[in-house]
Amino acid sequence: MIAYLDGILSYKEPTYAIIDVHGIGYAVHISLQTYSVLPGGGDRIKLFIHHLFREDNQALYGFAHADEKSLFLDLIGVSGVGPNTALGMLSAMQPGDLRLAILGENVRAVQAIKGIGAKTAQRIILELRDKMKRAGVVPDGPTYRQQTANPVREESLAALMALGFPKATAEKSVDDALKAEPNLTVEEVIRRALR
């Protein structure tokens, strides 16, 4: 079982990174949160890893912080939440905000994440709320920010960062476009950002 990878960042995209560890390139699935803190290519990094074995394949999921990995493991422990859904949730919300939404039983906040329906949101809250309380989890950061779960915002950010925009520039462009016109589609937001 791989606990972490410490090596050179060879390549990164918003959904995965390749880490060179002594001449072997490991493809690792990552969240937007992890992507946003990764340095440029060629720099040394350390990612906490969840090594998932399945009958037909293996996959590595990497996290910049142990806290994010811990929440990922909690999420995939919920019936109906697979690793890709959990990674999507961690891409849409900061771990502290997601914990706050779960502890506060904020179904709307959890359901606002792309791919999460009402029943899944309720199941996540039901299965994780008490577990987090028993573990003494106190969410870090401010109260839930509605903009972090806006699917148009998140998809636009991911697309712009995939095009090479720095995260701060992409966030400013997307937020400015959505502030001017909140009902824009992803395509319209990207067009405005590219102007």
C-alpha atoms as a PDB file:
ATOM      1  CA  MET A   1       0.000   0.000   0.000  1.00  0.00           C
ATOM      2  CA  ILE A   2       1.363   3.425  -0.929  1.00  0.00           C
ATOM      3  CA  ALA A   3       0.973   6.056   1.830  1.00  0.00           C
ATOM      4  CA  TYR A   4       2.622   8.984   0.073  1.00  0.00           C
ATOM      5  CA  LEU A   5       4.749   9.881  -2.933  1.00  0.00           C
ATOM      6  CA  ASP A   6       7.711  12.217  -2.635  1.00  0.00           C
ATOM      7  CA  GLY A   7       9.216  13.156  -5.972  1.00  0.00           C
ATOM      8  CA  ILE A   8       9.399  15.584  -8.865  1.00  0.00           C
ATOM      9  CA  LEU A   9       6.196  16.970 -10.364  1.00  0.00           C
ATOM     10  CA  SER A  10       6.513  16.097 -14.063  1.00  0.00           C
ATOM     11  CA  TYR A  11       3.081  17.192 -15.242  1.00  0.00           C
ATOM     12  CA  LYS A  12      -0.178  18.487 -13.844  1.00  0.00           C
ATOM     13  CA  GLU A  13      -3.741  19.119 -14.943  1.00  0.00           C
ATOM     14  CA  PRO A  14      -6.745  20.040 -12.786  1.00  0.00           C
ATOM     15  CA  THR A  15      -7.690  16.354 -12.467  1.00  0.00           C
ATOM     16  CA  TYR A  16      -4.362  14.529 -12.293  1.00  0.00           C
ATOM     17  CA  ALA A  17      -0.633  14.884 -11.865  1.00  0.00           C
ATOM     18  CA  ILE A  18       2.378  12.776 -12.792  1.00  0.00           C
ATOM     19  CA  ILE A  19       5.047  12.435 -10.115  1.00  0.00           C
ATOM     20  CA  ASP A  20       8.487  11.105 -11.000  1.00  0.00           C
ATOM     21  CA  VAL A  21       9.863   9.037  -8.126  1.00  0.00           C
ATOM     22  CA  HIS A  22      13.333   7.718  -8.979  1.00  0.00           C
ATOM     23  CA  GLY A  23      12.570   7.414 -12.685  1.00  0.00           C
ATOM     24  CA  ILE A  24       9.055   5.970 -12.350  1.00  0.00           C
ATOM     25  CA  GLY A  25       6.148   8.245 -13.284  1.00  0.00           C
ATOM     26  CA  TYR A  26       3.062   7.787 -11.107  1.00  0.00           C
ATOM     27  CA  ALA A  27      -0.237   9.109 -12.503  1.00  0.00           C
ATOM     28  CA  VAL A  28      -2.244  10.408  -9.557  1.00  0.00           C
ATOM     29  CA  HIS A  29      -5.856  11.646  -9.540  1.00  0.00           C
ATOM     30  CA  ILE A  30      -6.122  14.966  -7.679  1.00  0.00           C
ATOM     31  CA  SER A  31      -8.779  17.483  -6.657  1.00  0.00           C
ATOM     32  CA  LEU A  32      -8.823  21.134  -7.690  1.00  0.00           C
ATOM     33  CA  GLN A  33      -7.837  21.975  -4.092  1.00  0.00           C
ATOM     34  CA  THR A  34      -4.635  19.968  -4.453  1.00  0.00           C
ATOM     35  CA  TYR A  35      -4.037  21.245  -7.993  1.00  0.00           C
ATOM     36  CA  SER A  36      -4.235  24.840  -6.768  1.00  0.00           C
ATOM     37  CA  VAL A  37      -1.372  24.354  -4.281  1.00  0.00           C
ATOM     38  CA  LEU A  38       0.949  22.352  -6.525  1.00  0.00           C
ATOM     39  CA  PRO A  39       4.056  24.203  -7.715  1.00  0.00           C
ATOM     40  CA  GLY A  40       5.188  24.340 -11.332  1.00  0.00           C
ATOM     41  CA  GLY A  41       6.569  21.321 -13.144  1.00  0.00           C
ATOM     42  CA  GLY A  42      10.045  20.225 -12.130  1.00  0.00           C
ATOM     43  CA  ASP A  43       9.590  21.032  -8.435  1.00  0.00           C
ATOM     44  CA  ARG A  44       9.771  18.472  -5.643  1.00  0.00           C
ATOM     45  CA  ILE A  45       6.419  17.647  -4.038  1.00  0.00           C
ATOM     46  CA  LYS A  46       4.885  15.237  -1.550  1.00  0.00           C
ATOM     47  CA  LEU A  47       1.329  13.954  -1.926  1.00  0.00           C
ATOM     48  CA  PHE A  48      -0.568  11.811   0.559  1.00  0.00           C
ATOM     49  CA  ILE A  49      -1.876   8.831  -1.397  1.00  0.00           C
ATOM     50  CA  HIS A  50      -4.888   6.553  -1.269  1.00  0.00           C
ATOM     51  CA  HIS A  51      -4.052   3.469  -3.350  1.00  0.00           C
ATOM     52  CA  LEU A  52      -7.304   1.962  -4.572  1.00  0.00           C
ATOM     53  CA  PHE A  53      -7.325  -1.646  -5.754  1.00  0.00           C
ATOM     54  CA  ARG A  54     -10.209  -2.915  -7.840  1.00  0.00           C
ATOM     55  CA  GLU A  55     -10.763  -6.197  -9.613  1.00  0.00           C
ATOM     56  CA  ASP A  56     -10.039  -4.658 -13.007  1.00  0.00           C
ATOM     57  CA  ASN A  57      -7.679  -1.763 -12.192  1.00  0.00           C
ATOM     58  CA  GLN A  58      -5.682   0.234  -9.678  1.00  0.00           C
ATOM     59  CA  ALA A  59      -5.743   3.980  -9.095  1.00  0.00           C
ATOM     60  CA  LEU A  60      -3.804   6.466  -7.019  1.00  0.00           C
ATOM     61  CA  TYR A  61      -5.566   9.448  -5.435  1.00  0.00           C
ATOM     62  CA  GLY A  62      -3.293  12.203  -4.161  1.00  0.00           C
ATOM     63  CA  PHE A  63      -3.815  14.997  -1.657  1.00  0.00           C
ATOM     64  CA  ALA A  64      -1.641  17.942  -0.665  1.00  0.00           C
ATOM     65  CA  HIS A  65      -2.830  17.704   2.960  1.00  0.00           C
ATOM     66  CA  ALA A  66      -3.571  14.732   5.202  1.00  0.00           C
ATOM     67  CA  ASP A  67      -6.823  16.443   6.225  1.00  0.00           C
ATOM     68  CA  GLU A  68      -8.121  16.315   2.647  1.00  0.00           C
ATOM     69  CA  LYS A  69      -7.160  12.633   2.364  1.00  0.00           C
ATOM     70  CA  SER A  70      -8.967  11.869   5.621  1.00  0.00           C
ATOM     71  CA  LEU A  71     -12.174  13.499   4.374  1.00  0.00           C
ATOM     72  CA  PHE A  72     -11.834  11.643   1.047  1.00  0.00           C
ATOM     73  CA  LEU A  73     -11.659   8.324   2.937  1.00  0.00           C
ATOM     74  CA  ASP A  74     -14.732   9.281   4.979  1.00  0.00           C
ATOM     75  CA  LEU A  75     -16.648  10.167   1.811  1.00  0.00           C
ATOM     76  CA  ILE A  76     -15.834   6.952  -0.074  1.00  0.00           C
ATOM     77  CA  GLY A  77     -16.995   5.047   3.007  1.00  0.00           C
ATOM     78  CA  VAL A  78     -20.530   6.345   2.391  1.00  0.00           C
ATOM     79  CA  SER A  79     -22.719   3.992   0.379  1.00  0.00           C
ATOM     80  CA  GLY A  80     -23.135   5.295  -3.170  1.00  0.00           C
ATOM     81  CA  VAL A  81     -20.139   7.649  -3.062  1.00  0.00           C
ATOM     82  CA  GLY A  82     -17.245   6.432  -5.181  1.00  0.00           C
ATOM     83  CA  PRO A  83     -13.756   7.883  -5.422  1.00  0.00           C
ATOM     84  CA  ASN A  84     -14.540  10.080  -8.436  1.00  0.00           C
ATOM     85  CA  THR A  85     -17.599  11.550  -6.718  1.00  0.00           C
ATOM     86  CA  ALA A  86     -15.598  12.161  -3.535  1.00  0.00           C
ATOM     87  CA  LEU A  87     -12.832  13.841  -5.545  1.00  0.00           C
ATOM     88  CA  GLY A  88     -15.454  15.993  -7.274  1.00  0.00           C
ATOM     89  CA  MET A  89     -16.828  17.034  -3.893  1.00  0.00           C
ATOM     90  CA  LEU A  90     -13.358  17.997  -2.691  1.00  0.00           C
ATOM     91  CA  SER A  91     -12.840  19.955  -5.912  1.00  0.00           C
ATOM     92  CA  ALA A  92     -16.068  21.883  -5.387  1.00  0.00           C
ATOM     93  CA  MET A  93     -15.599  22.787  -1.724  1.00  0.00           C
ATOM     94  CA  GLN A  94     -12.737  23.334   0.689  1.00  0.00           C
ATOM     95  CA  PRO A  95     -12.510  20.427   3.186  1.00  0.00           C
ATOM     96  CA  GLY A  96     -13.366  22.764   6.078  1.00  0.00           C
ATOM     97  CA  ASP A  97     -16.439  24.099   4.273  1.00  0.00           C
ATOM     98  CA  LEU A  98     -17.587  20.586   3.386  1.00  0.00           C
ATOM     99  CA  ARG A  99     -17.171  19.449   6.989  1.00  0.00           C
ATOM    100  CA  LEU A 100     -19.076  22.518   8.160  1.00  0.00           C
ATOM    101  CA  ALA A 101     -21.920  21.737   5.736  1.00  0.00           C
ATOM    102  CA  ILE A 102     -22.051  18.127   6.977  1.00  0.00           C
ATOM    103  CA  LEU A 103     -21.901  19.042  10.667  1.00  0.00           C
ATOM    104  CA  GLY A 104     -24.484  21.793  10.146  1.00  0.00           C
ATOM    105  CA  GLU A 105     -26.743  19.358   8.242  1.00  0.00           C
ATOM    106  CA  ASN A 106     -26.788  21.765   5.300  1.00  0.00           C
ATOM    107  CA  VAL A 107     -28.307  19.476   2.670  1.00  0.00           C
ATOM    108  CA  ARG A 108     -28.593  22.332   0.141  1.00  0.00           C
ATOM    109  CA  ALA A 109     -24.868  23.081   0.325  1.00  0.00           C
ATOM    110  CA  VAL A 110     -23.899  19.434  -0.186  1.00  0.00           C
ATOM    111  CA  GLN A 111     -26.528  18.953  -2.898  1.00  0.00           C
ATOM    112  CA  ALA A 112     -25.246  22.041  -4.754  1.00  0.00           C
ATOM    113  CA  ILE A 113     -22.141  20.042  -5.692  1.00  0.00           C
ATOM    114  CA  LYS A 114     -22.312  18.680  -9.235  1.00  0.00           C
ATOM    115  CA  GLY A 115     -23.343  15.009  -9.270  1.00  0.00           C
ATOM    116  CA  ILE A 116     -24.809  14.993  -5.755  1.00  0.00           C
ATOM    117  CA  GLY A 117     -28.565  14.546  -5.539  1.00  0.00           C
ATOM    118  CA  ALA A 118     -30.826  15.101  -2.550  1.00  0.00           C
ATOM    119  CA  LYS A 119     -30.747  11.474  -1.376  1.00  0.00           C
ATOM    120  CA  THR A 120     -26.968  11.209  -1.649  1.00  0.00           C
ATOM    121  CA  ALA A 121     -26.519  14.525   0.190  1.00  0.00           C
ATOM    122  CA  GLN A 122     -28.795  13.319   2.995  1.00  0.00           C
ATOM    123  CA  ARG A 123     -26.970   9.973   3.183  1.00  0.00           C
ATOM    124  CA  ILE A 124     -23.573  11.698   3.381  1.00  0.00           C
ATOM    125  CA  ILE A 125     -24.768  13.933   6.196  1.00  0.00           C
ATOM    126  CA  LEU A 126     -26.479  11.084   8.037  1.00  0.00           C
ATOM    127  CA  GLU A 127     -23.476   8.752   7.854  1.00  0.00           C
ATOM    128  CA  LEU A 128     -20.715  11.295   8.505  1.00  0.00           C
ATOM    129  CA  ARG A 129     -22.225  13.859  10.887  1.00  0.00           C
ATOM    130  CA  ASP A 130     -22.115  11.710  14.012  1.00  0.00           C
ATOM    131  CA  LYS A 131     -18.788  10.156  13.038  1.00  0.00           C
ATOM    132  CA  MET A 132     -17.258  13.623  12.774  1.00  0.00           C
ATOM    133  CA  LYS A 133     -18.793  14.726  16.064  1.00  0.00           C
ATOM    134  CA  ARG A 134     -17.488  11.612  17.860  1.00  0.00           C
ATOM    135  CA  ALA A 135     -14.032  12.205  16.423  1.00  0.00           C
ATOM    136  CA  GLY A 136     -14.141  15.775  17.724  1.00  0.00           C
ATOM    137  CA  VAL A 137     -13.912  17.303  14.262  1.00  0.00           C
ATOM    138  CA  VAL A 138     -14.152  21.058  14.315  1.00  0.00           C
ATOM    139  CA  PRO A 139     -14.291  22.491  10.824  1.00  0.00           C
ATOM    140  CA  ASP A 140     -11.634  25.038  10.025  1.00  0.00           C
ATOM    141  CA  GLY A 141     -12.218  28.173   8.053  1.00  0.00           C
ATOM    142  CA  PRO A 142     -15.229  30.430   7.657  1.00  0.00           C
ATOM    143  CA  THR A 143     -18.822  29.418   7.341  1.00  0.00           C
ATOM    144  CA  TYR A 144     -19.930  27.821   4.107  1.00  0.00           C
ATOM    145  CA  ARG A 145     -19.528  30.117   1.121  1.00  0.00           C
ATOM    146  CA  GLN A 146     -22.257  29.568  -1.456  1.00  0.00           C
ATOM    147  CA  GLN A 147     -20.000  30.473  -4.386  1.00  0.00           C
ATOM    148  CA  THR A 148     -17.712  27.478  -3.804  1.00  0.00           C
ATOM    149  CA  ALA A 149     -20.483  25.043  -4.704  1.00  0.00           C
ATOM    150  CA  ASN A 150     -21.572  26.866  -7.865  1.00  0.00           C
ATOM    151  CA  PRO A 151     -21.127  24.240 -10.610  1.00  0.00           C
ATOM    152  CA  VAL A 152     -20.787  26.862 -13.380  1.00  0.00           C
ATOM    153  CA  ARG A 153     -18.048  28.602 -11.383  1.00  0.00           C
ATOM    154  CA  GLU A 154     -16.188  25.372 -10.641  1.00  0.00           C
ATOM    155  CA  GLU A 155     -16.355  24.056 -14.219  1.00  0.00           C
ATOM    156  CA  SER A 156     -15.247  27.432 -15.572  1.00  0.00           C
ATOM    157  CA  LEU A 157     -12.318  27.526 -13.131  1.00  0.00           C
ATOM    158  CA  ALA A 158     -11.260  24.000 -14.066  1.00  0.00           C
ATOM    159  CA  ALA A 159     -11.412  24.801 -17.775  1.00  0.00           C
ATOM    160  CA  LEU A 160      -9.428  28.035 -17.444  1.00  0.00           C
ATOM    161  CA  MET A 161      -6.779  26.388 -15.285  1.00  0.00           C
ATOM    162  CA  ALA A 162      -6.539  23.552 -17.825  1.00  0.00           C
ATOM    163  CA  LEU A 163      -5.854  26.267 -20.416  1.00  0.00           C
ATOM    164  CA  GLY A 164      -2.929  27.469 -18.302  1.00  0.00           C
ATOM    165  CA  PHE A 165      -4.482  30.359 -16.364  1.00  0.00           C
ATOM    166  CA  PRO A 166      -3.091  30.782 -12.827  1.00  0.00           C
ATOM    167  CA  LYS A 167      -5.740  29.978 -10.210  1.00  0.00           C
ATOM    168  CA  ALA A 168      -5.939  33.552  -8.888  1.00  0.00           C
ATOM    169  CA  THR A 169      -6.415  34.997 -12.392  1.00  0.00           C
ATOM    170  CA  ALA A 170      -9.016  32.361 -13.281  1.00  0.00           C
ATOM    171  CA  GLU A 171     -10.951  32.984 -10.050  1.00  0.00           C
ATOM    172  CA  LYS A 172     -10.978  36.749 -10.594  1.00  0.00           C
ATOM    173  CA  SER A 173     -12.117  36.407 -14.218  1.00  0.00           C
ATOM    174  CA  VAL A 174     -14.861  33.906 -13.379  1.00  0.00           C
ATOM    175  CA  ASP A 175     -16.069  35.821 -10.309  1.00  0.00           C
ATOM    176  CA  ASP A 176     -16.156  39.117 -12.241  1.00  0.00           C
ATOM    177  CA  ALA A 177     -18.171  37.517 -15.065  1.00  0.00           C
ATOM    178  CA  LEU A 178     -20.642  35.863 -12.680  1.00  0.00           C
ATOM    179  CA  LYS A 179     -20.957  39.012 -10.587  1.00  0.00           C
ATOM    180  CA  ALA A 180     -21.946  40.996 -13.687  1.00  0.00           C
ATOM    181  CA  GLU A 181     -24.330  38.277 -14.921  1.00  0.00           C
ATOM    182  CA  PRO A 182     -25.046  35.425 -12.455  1.00  0.00           C
ATOM    183  CA  ASN A 183     -26.947  33.241 -14.966  1.00  0.00           C
ATOM    184  CA  LEU A 184     -24.140  32.735 -17.495  1.00  0.00           C
ATOM    185  CA  THR A 185     -23.338  29.261 -18.828  1.00  0.00           C
ATOM    186  CA  VAL A 186     -19.852  27.757 -18.526  1.00  0.00           C
ATOM    187  CA  GLU A 187     -19.138  28.545 -22.181  1.00  0.00           C
ATOM    188  CA  GLU A 188     -20.188  32.192 -21.751  1.00  0.00           C
ATOM    189  CA  VAL A 189     -18.038  32.585 -18.629  1.00  0.00           C
ATOM    190  CA  ILE A 190     -15.008  31.141 -20.433  1.00  0.00           C
ATOM    191  CA  ARG A 191     -15.557  33.395 -23.470  1.00  0.00           C
ATOM    192  CA  ARG A 192     -15.663  36.468 -21.204  1.00  0.00           C
ATOM    193  CA  ALA A 193     -12.548  35.368 -19.348  1.00  0.00           C
ATOM    194  CA  LEU A 194     -10.637  34.903 -22.607  1.00  0.00           C
ATOM    195  CA  ARG A 195     -11.408  38.466 -23.788  1.00  0.00           C
END
